[in-house]
Amino acid sequence: MWHTRTGASAMAVELAGALLLATAVSDAFGFAGASFYLLVAGVPVTATAGLVCFARVVDAVNGGQIDPLGRLQALLSALLVGVVVVGAAIREPAIGADDVPPEATAALGFGFVLLVLQALIALVPLRRQRSQ
């Protein structure tokens, strides 16, 4: 029987993606202050997404299964938290200037890459053992 990784982890990753997308739109309009606060709000959202992904890995291990893709997804979530924190830290000095630093844009782009990788991993089917 085949299952996919869905549910709470997908919702948490989608919320993180929505915040990153809102940050990109805010950057496009030149609102550095709003972008900073969106990323600050993204820290607990991405941390929650990472914890949900990590909880799925722990549940799989407790169920006697090894889920290497789930571990990779949890690692990508941890990296995403770091990228969001660094992105917010880079933007903080530019709040009053309404100028988005190029490093902040690069961090945002890397965050999108991490989210796309997580989404691709979520699409991979997960094979579960049948209970006898």
C-alpha atoms as a PDB file:
ATOM      1  CA  MET A   1       0.000   0.000   0.000  1.00  0.00           C
ATOM      2  CA  TRP A   2       1.345   3.421  -0.973  1.00  0.00           C
ATOM      3  CA  HIS A   3       0.874   6.642   0.973  1.00  0.00           C
ATOM      4  CA  THR A   4       2.253  10.135   0.458  1.00  0.00           C
ATOM      5  CA  ARG A   5       3.547  12.595   3.005  1.00  0.00           C
ATOM      6  CA  THR A   6       0.562  14.896   3.526  1.00  0.00           C
ATOM      7  CA  GLY A   7      -1.434  16.471   6.301  1.00  0.00           C
ATOM      8  CA  ALA A   8       0.073  18.716   8.934  1.00  0.00           C
ATOM      9  CA  SER A   9       3.563  18.761   7.431  1.00  0.00           C
ATOM     10  CA  ALA A  10       2.189  19.892   4.068  1.00  0.00           C
ATOM     11  CA  MET A  11       0.107  22.615   5.708  1.00  0.00           C
ATOM     12  CA  ALA A  12       3.070  23.895   7.716  1.00  0.00           C
ATOM     13  CA  VAL A  13       5.293  23.990   4.630  1.00  0.00           C
ATOM     14  CA  GLU A  14       2.536  25.751   2.659  1.00  0.00           C
ATOM     15  CA  LEU A  15       2.235  28.420   5.369  1.00  0.00           C
ATOM     16  CA  ALA A  16       5.992  28.953   5.286  1.00  0.00           C
ATOM     17  CA  GLY A  17       5.819  29.225   1.499  1.00  0.00           C
ATOM     18  CA  ALA A  18       3.000  31.761   1.726  1.00  0.00           C
ATOM     19  CA  LEU A  19       5.041  33.923   4.084  1.00  0.00           C
ATOM     20  CA  LEU A  20       8.083  33.747   1.811  1.00  0.00           C
ATOM     21  CA  LEU A  21       5.914  34.644  -1.175  1.00  0.00           C
ATOM     22  CA  ALA A  22       4.421  37.597   0.716  1.00  0.00           C
ATOM     23  CA  THR A  23       7.961  38.688   1.577  1.00  0.00           C
ATOM     24  CA  ALA A  24       8.967  38.531  -2.088  1.00  0.00           C
ATOM     25  CA  VAL A  25       5.948  40.639  -3.076  1.00  0.00           C
ATOM     26  CA  SER A  26       6.773  43.128  -0.331  1.00  0.00           C
ATOM     27  CA  ASP A  27      10.361  43.284  -1.618  1.00  0.00           C
ATOM     28  CA  ALA A  28       9.116  43.917  -5.149  1.00  0.00           C
ATOM     29  CA  PHE A  29       7.179  46.955  -3.954  1.00  0.00           C
ATOM     30  CA  GLY A  30      10.178  48.183  -1.929  1.00  0.00           C
ATOM     31  CA  PHE A  31       8.687  47.751   1.544  1.00  0.00           C
ATOM     32  CA  ALA A  32      11.762  46.569   3.450  1.00  0.00           C
ATOM     33  CA  GLY A  33      10.080  47.087   6.825  1.00  0.00           C
ATOM     34  CA  ALA A  34       7.114  44.902   5.937  1.00  0.00           C
ATOM     35  CA  SER A  35       9.456  42.250   4.526  1.00  0.00           C
ATOM     36  CA  PHE A  36      11.389  42.202   7.788  1.00  0.00           C
ATOM     37  CA  TYR A  37       8.258  41.734   9.880  1.00  0.00           C
ATOM     38  CA  LEU A  38       6.940  39.037   7.546  1.00  0.00           C
ATOM     39  CA  LEU A  39      10.190  37.113   8.010  1.00  0.00           C
ATOM     40  CA  VAL A  40      10.043  37.619  11.779  1.00  0.00           C
ATOM     41  CA  ALA A  41       6.543  36.117  11.679  1.00  0.00           C
ATOM     42  CA  GLY A  42       7.980  33.333   9.511  1.00  0.00           C
ATOM     43  CA  VAL A  43      10.416  32.186  12.196  1.00  0.00           C
ATOM     44  CA  PRO A  44       7.815  30.409  14.379  1.00  0.00           C
ATOM     45  CA  VAL A  45       5.954  29.181  11.287  1.00  0.00           C
ATOM     46  CA  THR A  46       9.042  27.576   9.773  1.00  0.00           C
ATOM     47  CA  ALA A  47      10.103  26.239  13.169  1.00  0.00           C
ATOM     48  CA  THR A  48       6.682  24.618  13.547  1.00  0.00           C
ATOM     49  CA  ALA A  49       6.949  23.148  10.053  1.00  0.00           C
ATOM     50  CA  GLY A  50      10.340  21.714  10.958  1.00  0.00           C
ATOM     51  CA  LEU A  51       9.044  20.228  14.187  1.00  0.00           C
ATOM     52  CA  VAL A  52       6.104  18.618  12.386  1.00  0.00           C
ATOM     53  CA  CYS A  53       8.469  17.062   9.835  1.00  0.00           C
ATOM     54  CA  PHE A  54      10.765  15.886  12.630  1.00  0.00           C
ATOM     55  CA  ALA A  55       7.785  14.405  14.527  1.00  0.00           C
ATOM     56  CA  ARG A  56       6.868  12.337  11.452  1.00  0.00           C
ATOM     57  CA  VAL A  57      10.410  10.958  11.378  1.00  0.00           C
ATOM     58  CA  VAL A  58      10.249  10.069  15.075  1.00  0.00           C
ATOM     59  CA  ASP A  59       6.870   8.389  14.577  1.00  0.00           C
ATOM     60  CA  ALA A  60       8.285   6.350  11.693  1.00  0.00           C
ATOM     61  CA  VAL A  61      11.257   5.249  13.791  1.00  0.00           C
ATOM     62  CA  ASN A  62       8.981   4.311  16.683  1.00  0.00           C
ATOM     63  CA  GLY A  63       6.884   2.329  14.219  1.00  0.00           C
ATOM     64  CA  GLY A  64       9.948   0.314  13.201  1.00  0.00           C
ATOM     65  CA  GLN A  65      10.405   2.009   9.832  1.00  0.00           C
ATOM     66  CA  ILE A  66      13.284   3.954   8.381  1.00  0.00           C
ATOM     67  CA  ASP A  67      12.286   7.037   6.410  1.00  0.00           C
ATOM     68  CA  PRO A  68      15.389   8.598   4.814  1.00  0.00           C
ATOM     69  CA  LEU A  69      13.317  11.029   2.734  1.00  0.00           C
ATOM     70  CA  GLY A  70      11.484  12.152   5.856  1.00  0.00           C
ATOM     71  CA  ARG A  71      14.828  12.775   7.509  1.00  0.00           C
ATOM     72  CA  LEU A  72      15.934  14.802   4.511  1.00  0.00           C
ATOM     73  CA  GLN A  73      12.717  16.800   4.662  1.00  0.00           C
ATOM     74  CA  ALA A  74      13.266  17.505   8.363  1.00  0.00           C
ATOM     75  CA  LEU A  75      16.838  18.602   7.627  1.00  0.00           C
ATOM     76  CA  LEU A  76      15.617  20.931   4.875  1.00  0.00           C
ATOM     77  CA  SER A  77      13.090  22.367   7.319  1.00  0.00           C
ATOM     78  CA  ALA A  78      15.852  23.085   9.818  1.00  0.00           C
ATOM     79  CA  LEU A  79      17.854  24.804   7.085  1.00  0.00           C
ATOM     80  CA  LEU A  80      14.790  26.852   6.179  1.00  0.00           C
ATOM     81  CA  VAL A  81      14.492  28.107   9.749  1.00  0.00           C
ATOM     82  CA  GLY A  82      18.112  29.225   9.590  1.00  0.00           C
ATOM     83  CA  VAL A  83      17.584  30.950   6.236  1.00  0.00           C
ATOM     84  CA  VAL A  84      14.537  32.834   7.548  1.00  0.00           C
ATOM     85  CA  VAL A  85      16.411  33.970  10.665  1.00  0.00           C
ATOM     86  CA  VAL A  86      19.443  35.086   8.629  1.00  0.00           C
ATOM     87  CA  GLY A  87      17.200  36.783   6.072  1.00  0.00           C
ATOM     88  CA  ALA A  88      15.443  38.748   8.805  1.00  0.00           C
ATOM     89  CA  ALA A  89      18.770  39.679  10.410  1.00  0.00           C
ATOM     90  CA  ILE A  90      20.104  40.969   7.101  1.00  0.00           C
ATOM     91  CA  ARG A  91      16.968  43.063   6.511  1.00  0.00           C
ATOM     92  CA  GLU A  92      16.824  44.642   9.961  1.00  0.00           C
ATOM     93  CA  PRO A  93      19.301  47.495   9.292  1.00  0.00           C
ATOM     94  CA  ALA A  94      17.405  48.425   6.111  1.00  0.00           C
ATOM     95  CA  ILE A  95      14.024  48.960   7.778  1.00  0.00           C
ATOM     96  CA  GLY A  96      14.144  52.771   7.727  1.00  0.00           C
ATOM     97  CA  ALA A  97      15.785  53.008   4.309  1.00  0.00           C
ATOM     98  CA  ASP A  98      13.171  50.914   2.482  1.00  0.00           C
ATOM     99  CA  ASP A  99      16.024  49.368   0.528  1.00  0.00           C
ATOM    100  CA  VAL A 100      16.303  45.587   0.304  1.00  0.00           C
ATOM    101  CA  PRO A 101      19.911  44.356   0.538  1.00  0.00           C
ATOM    102  CA  PRO A 102      20.987  41.947  -2.234  1.00  0.00           C
ATOM    103  CA  GLU A 103      22.041  39.386   0.380  1.00  0.00           C
ATOM    104  CA  ALA A 104      18.483  39.360   1.716  1.00  0.00           C
ATOM    105  CA  THR A 105      17.160  38.654  -1.760  1.00  0.00           C
ATOM    106  CA  ALA A 106      19.652  35.799  -2.123  1.00  0.00           C
ATOM    107  CA  ALA A 107      18.548  34.339   1.233  1.00  0.00           C
ATOM    108  CA  LEU A 108      14.922  34.557   0.128  1.00  0.00           C
ATOM    109  CA  GLY A 109      15.762  32.761  -3.114  1.00  0.00           C
ATOM    110  CA  PHE A 110      17.556  30.010  -1.192  1.00  0.00           C
ATOM    111  CA  GLY A 111      14.468  29.680   1.015  1.00  0.00           C
ATOM    112  CA  PHE A 112      12.337  29.119  -2.075  1.00  0.00           C
ATOM    113  CA  VAL A 113      14.772  26.447  -3.284  1.00  0.00           C
ATOM    114  CA  LEU A 114      14.476  24.662   0.063  1.00  0.00           C
ATOM    115  CA  LEU A 115      10.676  24.806  -0.119  1.00  0.00           C
ATOM    116  CA  VAL A 116      10.637  23.397  -3.658  1.00  0.00           C
ATOM    117  CA  LEU A 117      12.890  20.526  -2.545  1.00  0.00           C
ATOM    118  CA  GLN A 118      10.566  19.833   0.384  1.00  0.00           C
ATOM    119  CA  ALA A 119       7.559  19.829  -1.933  1.00  0.00           C
ATOM    120  CA  LEU A 120       9.261  17.396  -4.307  1.00  0.00           C
ATOM    121  CA  ILE A 121      10.123  15.085  -1.413  1.00  0.00           C
ATOM    122  CA  ALA A 122       6.505  15.260  -0.207  1.00  0.00           C
ATOM    123  CA  LEU A 123       5.364  13.957  -3.592  1.00  0.00           C
ATOM    124  CA  VAL A 124       7.465  10.798  -3.343  1.00  0.00           C
ATOM    125  CA  PRO A 125       5.258   7.863  -2.290  1.00  0.00           C
ATOM    126  CA  LEU A 126       5.909   6.329   1.110  1.00  0.00           C
ATOM    127  CA  ARG A 127       5.639   2.549   1.236  1.00  0.00           C
ATOM    128  CA  ARG A 128       4.205   1.203   4.460  1.00  0.00           C
ATOM    129  CA  GLN A 129       4.319  -2.366   5.642  1.00  0.00           C
ATOM    130  CA  ARG A 130       1.044  -4.187   5.934  1.00  0.00           C
ATOM    131  CA  SER A 131       0.075  -5.330   9.387  1.00  0.00           C
ATOM    132  CA  GLN A 132      -0.563  -9.038   9.626  1.00  0.00           C
END
